[in-house]
Protein backbone atom coordinates (compact mmCIF):
# COMPACT_ATOMS: atom_id res chain seq x y z
CA UNK A 1 7.67 -5.58 -23.93
CA UNK A 2 4.36 -4.62 -22.32
CA UNK A 3 3.78 -4.18 -18.60
CA UNK A 4 1.86 -7.42 -18.10
CA UNK A 5 4.49 -9.51 -19.85
CA UNK A 6 7.37 -7.92 -17.95
CA UNK A 7 5.60 -8.24 -14.60
CA UNK A 8 4.79 -11.88 -15.29
CA UNK A 9 8.35 -12.65 -16.35
CA UNK A 10 10.07 -10.97 -13.41
CA UNK A 11 7.88 -13.03 -11.06
CA UNK A 12 7.95 -16.39 -12.84
CA UNK A 13 11.49 -16.40 -14.23
CA UNK A 14 13.45 -13.66 -12.44
CA UNK A 15 17.00 -14.74 -13.26
CA UNK A 16 16.38 -14.90 -16.98
CA UNK A 17 14.42 -11.65 -16.93
CA UNK A 18 17.19 -9.82 -15.06
CA UNK A 19 19.55 -10.72 -17.88
CA UNK A 20 17.12 -9.23 -20.38
CA UNK A 21 16.70 -6.08 -18.30
CA UNK A 22 20.46 -5.65 -17.96
CA UNK A 23 20.84 -5.79 -21.75
CA UNK A 24 18.10 -3.24 -22.40
CA UNK A 25 18.90 0.36 -23.12
CA UNK A 26 16.78 3.06 -21.59
CA UNK A 27 16.71 5.76 -18.96
CA UNK A 28 15.18 5.95 -15.53
CA UNK A 29 12.35 7.97 -17.00
CA UNK A 30 11.69 5.21 -19.53
CA UNK A 31 11.18 2.73 -16.70
CA UNK A 32 9.06 5.22 -14.79
CA UNK A 33 6.63 5.93 -17.61
CA UNK A 34 6.42 2.41 -19.02
CA UNK A 35 6.30 0.45 -15.77
CA UNK A 36 6.50 2.19 -12.40
CA UNK A 37 3.78 4.80 -12.95
CA UNK A 38 1.38 2.08 -14.06
CA UNK A 39 2.01 -0.59 -11.42
CA UNK A 40 2.37 1.84 -8.51
CA UNK A 41 -1.19 2.98 -9.24
CA UNK A 42 -2.60 -0.46 -8.34
CA UNK A 43 -2.25 -0.20 -4.54
CA UNK A 44 -3.16 3.49 -4.58
CA UNK A 45 -6.44 2.85 -6.41
CA UNK A 46 -7.16 -0.23 -4.30
CA UNK A 47 -6.65 1.76 -1.11
CA UNK A 48 -9.07 4.41 -2.33
CA UNK A 49 -11.73 1.78 -3.00
CA UNK A 50 -11.05 -0.10 0.22
CA UNK A 51 -10.99 2.91 2.53
CA UNK A 52 -13.49 5.16 0.79
CA UNK A 53 -16.08 2.74 -0.56
CA UNK A 54 -15.85 -0.70 1.06
CA UNK A 55 -14.68 0.25 4.55
CA UNK A 56 -13.00 -1.56 7.42
CA UNK A 57 -13.63 -2.95 10.89
CA UNK A 58 -12.73 -0.81 13.88
CA UNK A 59 -13.51 -1.53 17.57
CA UNK A 60 -16.48 -3.73 16.87
CA UNK A 61 -18.01 -1.43 14.30
CA UNK A 62 -17.63 -1.00 10.59
CA UNK A 63 -16.28 2.28 9.25
CA UNK A 64 -15.86 3.81 5.87
CA UNK A 65 -13.51 6.76 5.41
CA UNK A 66 -15.05 9.64 3.50
CA UNK A 67 -14.37 9.91 -0.22
CA UNK A 68 -12.34 13.09 0.24
CA UNK A 69 -10.05 11.59 2.87
CA UNK A 70 -9.64 8.36 0.93
CA UNK A 71 -8.84 10.23 -2.29
CA UNK A 72 -6.26 12.50 -0.66
CA UNK A 73 -4.70 9.52 1.12
CA UNK A 74 -4.39 7.58 -2.13
CA UNK A 75 -2.95 10.50 -4.07
CA UNK A 76 -0.34 11.25 -1.39
CA UNK A 77 0.53 7.56 -1.13
CA UNK A 78 0.93 7.30 -4.90
CA UNK A 79 3.18 10.35 -5.22
CA UNK A 80 5.37 9.28 -2.32
CA UNK A 81 5.56 5.76 -3.74
CA UNK A 82 6.97 7.13 -6.98
CA UNK A 83 9.45 9.24 -5.06
CA UNK A 84 10.50 6.48 -2.68
CA UNK A 85 11.46 4.16 -5.54
CA UNK A 86 14.03 6.72 -6.70
CA UNK A 87 15.28 7.31 -3.16
CA UNK A 88 15.72 3.58 -2.67
CA UNK A 89 17.65 3.41 -5.93
CA UNK A 90 19.94 6.20 -4.72
CA UNK A 91 20.63 4.23 -1.55
CA UNK A 92 21.27 1.02 -3.48
CA UNK A 93 23.66 2.83 -5.81
CA UNK A 94 25.47 4.62 -2.98
CA UNK A 95 26.05 1.34 -1.15
CA UNK A 96 27.46 -0.40 -4.21
CA UNK A 97 31.20 0.29 -3.59
CA UNK A 98 30.87 -0.98 -0.02
CA UNK A 99 29.97 -4.40 -1.39
CA UNK A 100 32.39 -4.41 -4.33
CA UNK A 101 29.55 -3.69 -6.74
CA UNK A 102 29.39 -1.38 -9.74
CA UNK A 103 27.73 1.99 -9.24
CA UNK A 104 25.12 2.63 -11.91
CA UNK A 105 22.06 4.64 -10.94
CA UNK A 106 20.01 3.40 -13.89
CA UNK A 107 20.67 -0.24 -13.03
CA UNK A 108 20.04 0.50 -9.37
CA UNK A 109 16.70 2.05 -10.25
CA UNK A 110 15.75 -0.91 -12.42
CA UNK A 111 16.74 -3.27 -9.59
CA UNK A 112 14.48 -1.52 -7.11
CA UNK A 113 11.61 -0.93 -9.52
CA UNK A 114 11.30 -4.43 -10.91
CA UNK A 115 11.85 -6.17 -7.58
CA UNK A 116 8.92 -4.15 -6.18
CA UNK A 117 6.58 -5.81 -8.68
CA UNK A 118 5.13 -8.39 -6.22
CA UNK A 119 4.26 -5.62 -3.75
CA UNK A 120 2.52 -3.53 -6.39
CA UNK A 121 0.52 -6.45 -7.74
CA UNK A 122 -0.40 -7.62 -4.24
CA UNK A 123 -1.63 -4.08 -3.59
CA UNK A 124 -4.90 -5.03 -5.28
CA UNK A 125 -5.76 -6.72 -1.97
CA UNK A 126 -6.10 -3.29 -0.36
CA UNK A 127 -9.58 -3.28 -1.88
CA UNK A 128 -10.48 -5.39 1.15
CA UNK A 129 -8.68 -3.69 4.06
CA UNK A 130 -8.91 -6.86 6.13
CA UNK A 131 -6.55 -8.53 3.62
CA UNK A 132 -3.85 -5.85 3.97
CA UNK A 133 -1.45 -8.09 5.97
CA UNK A 134 -1.26 -10.40 2.95
CA UNK A 135 0.29 -7.58 0.93
CA UNK A 136 3.34 -7.56 3.19
CA UNK A 137 3.59 -11.34 3.04
CA UNK A 138 3.50 -11.43 -0.76
CA UNK A 139 5.91 -8.49 -0.95
CA UNK A 140 8.60 -10.64 0.64
CA UNK A 141 9.01 -12.41 -2.68
CA UNK A 142 10.41 -9.14 -4.00
CA UNK A 143 13.38 -9.58 -1.67
CA UNK A 144 14.21 -12.86 -3.36
CA UNK A 145 13.87 -11.24 -6.77
CA UNK A 146 16.28 -8.48 -5.71
CA UNK A 147 18.66 -11.11 -4.32
CA UNK A 148 18.81 -12.72 -7.75
CA UNK A 149 19.14 -9.36 -9.46
CA UNK A 150 22.05 -7.82 -7.56
CA UNK A 151 24.78 -10.03 -9.07
CA UNK A 152 23.46 -9.22 -12.54
CA UNK A 153 22.39 -5.59 -12.33
CA UNK A 154 25.00 -4.31 -9.87
CA UNK A 155 27.65 -6.95 -10.60
CA UNK A 156 27.80 -7.87 -6.94
CA UNK A 157 30.18 -10.74 -6.00
CA UNK A 158 28.26 -13.75 -4.73
CA UNK A 159 29.83 -13.56 -1.28
CA UNK A 160 28.68 -9.93 -0.92
CA UNK A 161 25.08 -10.31 -2.11
CA UNK A 162 23.51 -11.21 1.24
CA UNK A 163 25.14 -8.34 3.10
CA UNK A 164 24.25 -5.89 0.33
CA UNK A 165 20.66 -7.14 0.41
CA UNK A 166 20.29 -6.87 4.18
CA UNK A 167 21.63 -3.32 4.37
CA UNK A 168 19.44 -2.30 1.43
CA UNK A 169 16.35 -3.81 3.07
CA UNK A 170 17.03 -1.87 6.27
CA UNK A 171 17.35 1.36 4.28
CA UNK A 172 14.16 0.62 2.33
CA UNK A 173 12.33 -0.13 5.58
CA UNK A 174 13.40 3.23 6.99
CA UNK A 175 12.18 5.01 3.86
CA UNK A 176 8.88 3.12 4.05
CA UNK A 177 8.40 4.17 7.67
CA UNK A 178 9.02 7.81 6.78
CA UNK A 179 6.61 7.62 3.84
CA UNK A 180 3.98 5.99 6.03
CA UNK A 181 4.44 8.67 8.69
CA UNK A 182 3.99 11.46 6.13
CA UNK A 183 0.87 9.87 4.63
CA UNK A 184 -0.70 9.32 8.06
CA UNK A 185 0.12 12.86 9.18
CA UNK A 186 -1.61 14.30 6.11
CA UNK A 187 -4.72 12.14 6.15
CA UNK A 188 -5.19 11.72 9.91
CA UNK A 189 -7.46 14.79 10.21
CA UNK A 190 -9.77 13.36 7.55
CA UNK A 191 -9.90 10.01 9.34
CA UNK A 192 -10.73 11.66 12.63
CA UNK A 193 -13.42 13.91 11.13
CA UNK A 194 -15.02 11.01 9.31
CA UNK A 195 -15.08 8.76 12.35
CA UNK A 196 -16.35 11.48 14.68
CA UNK A 197 -18.86 12.51 12.05
CA UNK A 198 -20.51 9.19 12.48
CA UNK A 199 -19.63 7.49 9.20
CA UNK A 200 -20.32 4.15 10.75
CA UNK A 201 -22.17 1.19 9.38
CA UNK A 202 -23.28 -1.22 12.06
CA UNK A 203 -23.00 -4.89 11.26
């Protein structure tokens, strides 16, 4: 199944698609190379275009981050995105016994990866930095997809799904904050240099 078909199916008919995913054989690396590496590139590329080419509003002016800063930011974001998916899967798998679920790192990884699909697809909106808040809004649909997937992928009892989901979301949020902090710490000097260097386009 190609990336477009799988992404469409997990969004439009998640329950049925989770059953198909559960029945599929394959390793974590298989999911990485056939799905995650491709979709995770969407927000990274969009951020590069949005920050380095199109620009954004800032204190009444219009700024465009330099190409170097935007490129480094996108690369760091992309690499950490790939890493964070695995870390989130580790957390999901480690929490499984607490919620009477079956530990299976491959299924945990698939659960995290495929439920992140809405966020990756919505990442195209980063091309216009002003639309960035919409990415978070659309990403919330991924929570619902994960909610439907836990009973299938992790064999979570129905009465434990909500608790499992909430704890997982908190863990994912913490990981996201750490990733965001690292990215900002690395690219902040480039942002400052570009702004102070006068890369400003007046309206």
